[in-house]
Amino acid sequence: PNCNQYRLPGCPRDFNPVCGSDMSTYANECTLCMKIREDGHDIKIIRNGPC
């Protein structure tokens, strides 16, 4: 995902789910990017929509 477009402190609340390569569903691309920043893992979007 293009995480450079998202800045702290938080994400928009829009619900546009994406499935990460960790097999977790994220509410939107921004929440996936926040997880990447927190954990330092390289998680890819494997599909749009829930896992």
PDB file of N, CA and C in Angstrom:
ATOM      1  N   PRO A   1       0.828  -1.209   0.000  1.00  0.00           N
ATOM      2  CA  PRO A   1       0.000   0.000   0.000  1.00  0.00           C
ATOM      3  C   PRO A   1       0.864   1.262   0.000  1.00  0.00           C
ATOM      4  N   ASN A   2       0.300   2.351  -0.427  1.00  0.00           N
ATOM      5  CA  ASN A   2       1.000   3.634  -0.428  1.00  0.00           C
ATOM      6  C   ASN A   2       0.786   4.316   0.918  1.00  0.00           C
ATOM      7  N   CYS A   3       1.605   3.990   1.889  1.00  0.00           N
ATOM      8  CA  CYS A   3       1.411   4.485   3.254  1.00  0.00           C
ATOM      9  C   CYS A   3       1.887   5.917   3.446  1.00  0.00           C
ATOM     10  N   ASN A   4       2.645   6.458   2.510  1.00  0.00           N
ATOM     11  CA  ASN A   4       3.135   7.828   2.657  1.00  0.00           C
ATOM     12  C   ASN A   4       2.011   8.851   2.672  1.00  0.00           C
ATOM     13  N   GLN A   5       0.861   8.504   2.137  1.00  0.00           N
ATOM     14  CA  GLN A   5      -0.250   9.453   2.085  1.00  0.00           C
ATOM     15  C   GLN A   5      -0.982   9.572   3.421  1.00  0.00           C
ATOM     16  N   TYR A   6      -0.682   8.704   4.375  1.00  0.00           N
ATOM     17  CA  TYR A   6      -1.370   8.713   5.665  1.00  0.00           C
ATOM     18  C   TYR A   6      -0.447   9.238   6.747  1.00  0.00           C
ATOM     19  N   ARG A   7      -0.948  10.190   7.492  1.00  0.00           N
ATOM     20  CA  ARG A   7      -0.167  10.798   8.566  1.00  0.00           C
ATOM     21  C   ARG A   7      -0.823  10.519   9.907  1.00  0.00           C
ATOM     22  N   LEU A   8      -0.020  10.521  10.940  1.00  0.00           N
ATOM     23  CA  LEU A   8      -0.556  10.390  12.292  1.00  0.00           C
ATOM     24  C   LEU A   8      -1.356  11.652  12.615  1.00  0.00           C
ATOM     25  N   PRO A   9      -2.302  11.658  13.520  1.00  0.00           N
ATOM     26  CA  PRO A   9      -2.472  10.650  14.549  1.00  0.00           C
ATOM     27  C   PRO A   9      -3.422   9.524  14.204  1.00  0.00           C
ATOM     28  N   GLY A  10      -4.240   9.642  13.189  1.00  0.00           N
ATOM     29  CA  GLY A  10      -5.201   8.568  12.982  1.00  0.00           C
ATOM     30  C   GLY A  10      -5.659   8.449  11.553  1.00  0.00           C
ATOM     31  N   CYS A  11      -6.604   7.548  11.370  1.00  0.00           N
ATOM     32  CA  CYS A  11      -7.131   7.230  10.048  1.00  0.00           C
ATOM     33  C   CYS A  11      -8.567   7.717   9.911  1.00  0.00           C
ATOM     34  N   PRO A  12      -9.002   7.931   8.675  1.00  0.00           N
ATOM     35  CA  PRO A  12     -10.421   8.220   8.466  1.00  0.00           C
ATOM     36  C   PRO A  12     -11.261   7.008   8.857  1.00  0.00           C
ATOM     37  N   ARG A  13     -12.507   7.245   9.167  1.00  0.00           N
ATOM     38  CA  ARG A  13     -13.369   6.163   9.630  1.00  0.00           C
ATOM     39  C   ARG A  13     -14.115   5.462   8.495  1.00  0.00           C
ATOM     40  N   ASP A  14     -13.773   5.776   7.264  1.00  0.00           N
ATOM     41  CA  ASP A  14     -14.477   5.127   6.154  1.00  0.00           C
ATOM     42  C   ASP A  14     -14.197   3.625   6.157  1.00  0.00           C
ATOM     43  N   PHE A  15     -15.223   2.863   5.840  1.00  0.00           N
ATOM     44  CA  PHE A  15     -15.109   1.405   5.840  1.00  0.00           C
ATOM     45  C   PHE A  15     -14.943   0.932   4.412  1.00  0.00           C
ATOM     46  N   ASN A  16     -13.723   0.561   4.083  1.00  0.00           N
ATOM     47  CA  ASN A  16     -13.378   0.068   2.755  1.00  0.00           C
ATOM     48  C   ASN A  16     -12.367  -1.058   2.979  1.00  0.00           C
ATOM     49  N   PRO A  17     -12.853  -2.229   3.433  1.00  0.00           N
ATOM     50  CA  PRO A  17     -11.951  -3.264   3.937  1.00  0.00           C
ATOM     51  C   PRO A  17     -10.956  -3.787   2.908  1.00  0.00           C
ATOM     52  N   VAL A  18      -9.781  -4.135   3.424  1.00  0.00           N
ATOM     53  CA  VAL A  18      -8.738  -4.773   2.621  1.00  0.00           C
ATOM     54  C   VAL A  18      -8.217  -5.977   3.393  1.00  0.00           C
ATOM     55  N   CYS A  19      -7.769  -6.970   2.657  1.00  0.00           N
ATOM     56  CA  CYS A  19      -7.212  -8.184   3.248  1.00  0.00           C
ATOM     57  C   CYS A  19      -5.693  -8.107   3.157  1.00  0.00           C
ATOM     58  N   GLY A  20      -5.032  -8.199   4.304  1.00  0.00           N
ATOM     59  CA  GLY A  20      -3.579  -8.143   4.345  1.00  0.00           C
ATOM     60  C   GLY A  20      -2.949  -9.510   4.158  1.00  0.00           C
ATOM     61  N   SER A  21      -1.680  -9.504   3.796  1.00  0.00           N
ATOM     62  CA  SER A  21      -0.952 -10.758   3.600  1.00  0.00           C
ATOM     63  C   SER A  21      -0.758 -11.521   4.908  1.00  0.00           C
ATOM     64  N   ASP A  22      -1.104 -10.904   6.042  1.00  0.00           N
ATOM     65  CA  ASP A  22      -1.102 -11.604   7.330  1.00  0.00           C
ATOM     66  C   ASP A  22      -2.451 -12.267   7.590  1.00  0.00           C
ATOM     67  N   MET A  23      -3.310 -12.256   6.563  1.00  0.00           N
ATOM     68  CA  MET A  23      -4.652 -12.856   6.605  1.00  0.00           C
ATOM     69  C   MET A  23      -5.573 -12.167   7.612  1.00  0.00           C
ATOM     70  N   SER A  24      -5.313 -10.901   7.896  1.00  0.00           N
ATOM     71  CA  SER A  24      -6.193 -10.088   8.728  1.00  0.00           C
ATOM     72  C   SER A  24      -6.940  -9.113   7.840  1.00  0.00           C
ATOM     73  N   THR A  25      -8.188  -8.838   8.203  1.00  0.00           N
ATOM     74  CA  THR A  25      -8.983  -7.844   7.497  1.00  0.00           C
ATOM     75  C   THR A  25      -8.824  -6.508   8.211  1.00  0.00           C
ATOM     76  N   TYR A  26      -8.516  -5.478   7.448  1.00  0.00           N
ATOM     77  CA  TYR A  26      -8.360  -4.120   7.976  1.00  0.00           C
ATOM     78  C   TYR A  26      -9.497  -3.258   7.453  1.00  0.00           C
ATOM     79  N   ALA A  27      -9.954  -2.321   8.274  1.00  0.00           N
ATOM     80  CA  ALA A  27     -11.107  -1.491   7.917  1.00  0.00           C
ATOM     81  C   ALA A  27     -10.857  -0.685   6.648  1.00  0.00           C
ATOM     82  N   ASN A  28      -9.610  -0.284   6.434  1.00  0.00           N
ATOM     83  CA  ASN A  28      -9.243   0.449   5.223  1.00  0.00           C
ATOM     84  C   ASN A  28      -7.717   0.406   5.083  1.00  0.00           C
ATOM     85  N   GLU A  29      -7.227   0.944   3.992  1.00  0.00           N
ATOM     86  CA  GLU A  29      -5.789   0.904   3.729  1.00  0.00           C
ATOM     87  C   GLU A  29      -5.002   1.635   4.812  1.00  0.00           C
ATOM     88  N   CYS A  30      -5.559   2.716   5.327  1.00  0.00           N
ATOM     89  CA  CYS A  30      -4.870   3.484   6.360  1.00  0.00           C
ATOM     90  C   CYS A  30      -4.645   2.655   7.619  1.00  0.00           C
ATOM     91  N   THR A  31      -5.654   1.902   8.058  1.00  0.00           N
ATOM     92  CA  THR A  31      -5.473   1.092   9.271  1.00  0.00           C
ATOM     93  C   THR A  31      -4.415   0.007   9.042  1.00  0.00           C
ATOM     94  N   LEU A  32      -4.319  -0.507   7.833  1.00  0.00           N
ATOM     95  CA  LEU A  32      -3.245  -1.449   7.500  1.00  0.00           C
ATOM     96  C   LEU A  32      -1.891  -0.753   7.607  1.00  0.00           C
ATOM     97  N   CYS A  33      -1.795   0.456   7.095  1.00  0.00           N
ATOM     98  CA  CYS A  33      -0.536   1.209   7.168  1.00  0.00           C
ATOM     99  C   CYS A  33      -0.138   1.501   8.611  1.00  0.00           C
ATOM    100  N   MET A  34      -1.097   1.799   9.466  1.00  0.00           N
ATOM    101  CA  MET A  34      -0.790   2.041  10.877  1.00  0.00           C
ATOM    102  C   MET A  34      -0.241   0.772  11.535  1.00  0.00           C
ATOM    103  N   LYS A  35      -0.783  -0.377  11.171  1.00  0.00           N
ATOM    104  CA  LYS A  35      -0.291  -1.657  11.691  1.00  0.00           C
ATOM    105  C   LYS A  35       1.150  -1.897  11.236  1.00  0.00           C
ATOM    106  N   ILE A  36       1.434  -1.587   9.978  1.00  0.00           N
ATOM    107  CA  ILE A  36       2.792  -1.728   9.453  1.00  0.00           C
ATOM    108  C   ILE A  36       3.746  -0.833  10.241  1.00  0.00           C
ATOM    109  N   ARG A  37       3.342   0.408  10.505  1.00  0.00           N
ATOM    110  CA  ARG A  37       4.195   1.335  11.256  1.00  0.00           C
ATOM    111  C   ARG A  37       4.412   0.861  12.688  1.00  0.00           C
ATOM    112  N   GLU A  38       3.364   0.338  13.312  1.00  0.00           N
ATOM    113  CA  GLU A  38       3.473  -0.114  14.701  1.00  0.00           C
ATOM    114  C   GLU A  38       4.387  -1.333  14.830  1.00  0.00           C
ATOM    115  N   ASP A  39       4.199  -2.307  13.949  1.00  0.00           N
ATOM    116  CA  ASP A  39       4.901  -3.586  14.080  1.00  0.00           C
ATOM    117  C   ASP A  39       6.190  -3.674  13.271  1.00  0.00           C
ATOM    118  N   GLY A  40       6.319  -2.847  12.238  1.00  0.00           N
ATOM    119  CA  GLY A  40       7.499  -2.901  11.399  1.00  0.00           C
ATOM    120  C   GLY A  40       7.506  -4.041  10.398  1.00  0.00           C
ATOM    121  N   HIS A  41       6.369  -4.729  10.250  1.00  0.00           N
ATOM    122  CA  HIS A  41       6.277  -5.828   9.288  1.00  0.00           C
ATOM    123  C   HIS A  41       5.801  -5.307   7.942  1.00  0.00           C
ATOM    124  N   ASP A  42       6.259  -5.940   6.893  1.00  0.00           N
ATOM    125  CA  ASP A  42       5.856  -5.561   5.541  1.00  0.00           C
ATOM    126  C   ASP A  42       4.621  -6.367   5.161  1.00  0.00           C
ATOM    127  N   ILE A  43       3.452  -5.778   5.359  1.00  0.00           N
ATOM    128  CA  ILE A  43       2.192  -6.448   5.048  1.00  0.00           C
ATOM    129  C   ILE A  43       1.685  -5.899   3.722  1.00  0.00           C
ATOM    130  N   LYS A  44       1.363  -6.776   2.821  1.00  0.00           N
ATOM    131  CA  LYS A  44       0.829  -6.390   1.513  1.00  0.00           C
ATOM    132  C   LYS A  44      -0.690  -6.514   1.515  1.00  0.00           C
ATOM    133  N   ILE A  45      -1.331  -5.788   0.614  1.00  0.00           N
ATOM    134  CA  ILE A  45      -2.762  -5.983   0.383  1.00  0.00           C
ATOM    135  C   ILE A  45      -2.889  -7.103  -0.633  1.00  0.00           C
ATOM    136  N   ILE A  46      -3.529  -8.202  -0.229  1.00  0.00           N
ATOM    137  CA  ILE A  46      -3.671  -9.310  -1.172  1.00  0.00           C
ATOM    138  C   ILE A  46      -4.997  -9.244  -1.916  1.00  0.00           C
ATOM    139  N   ARG A  47      -5.967  -8.504  -1.367  1.00  0.00           N
ATOM    140  CA  ARG A  47      -7.198  -8.270  -2.116  1.00  0.00           C
ATOM    141  C   ARG A  47      -8.012  -7.193  -1.441  1.00  0.00           C
ATOM    142  N   ASN A  48      -8.838  -6.528  -2.224  1.00  0.00           N
ATOM    143  CA  ASN A  48      -9.802  -5.589  -1.682  1.00  0.00           C
ATOM    144  C   ASN A  48     -10.974  -6.383  -1.150  1.00  0.00           C
ATOM    145  N   GLY A  49     -11.481  -5.975  -0.001  1.00  0.00           N
ATOM    146  CA  GLY A  49     -12.554  -6.709   0.646  1.00  0.00           C
ATOM    147  C   GLY A  49     -11.999  -7.522   1.795  1.00  0.00           C
ATOM    148  N   PRO A  50     -12.891  -8.093   2.592  1.00  0.00           N
ATOM    149  CA  PRO A  50     -12.441  -8.874   3.749  1.00  0.00           C
ATOM    150  C   PRO A  50     -11.741 -10.164   3.333  1.00  0.00           C
ATOM    151  N   CYS A  51     -10.941 -10.687   4.235  1.00  0.00           N
ATOM    152  CA  CYS A  51     -10.224 -11.946   3.977  1.00  0.00           C
ATOM    153  C   CYS A  51     -11.179 -13.131   3.983  1.00  0.00           C
TER     154      CYS A  51
END
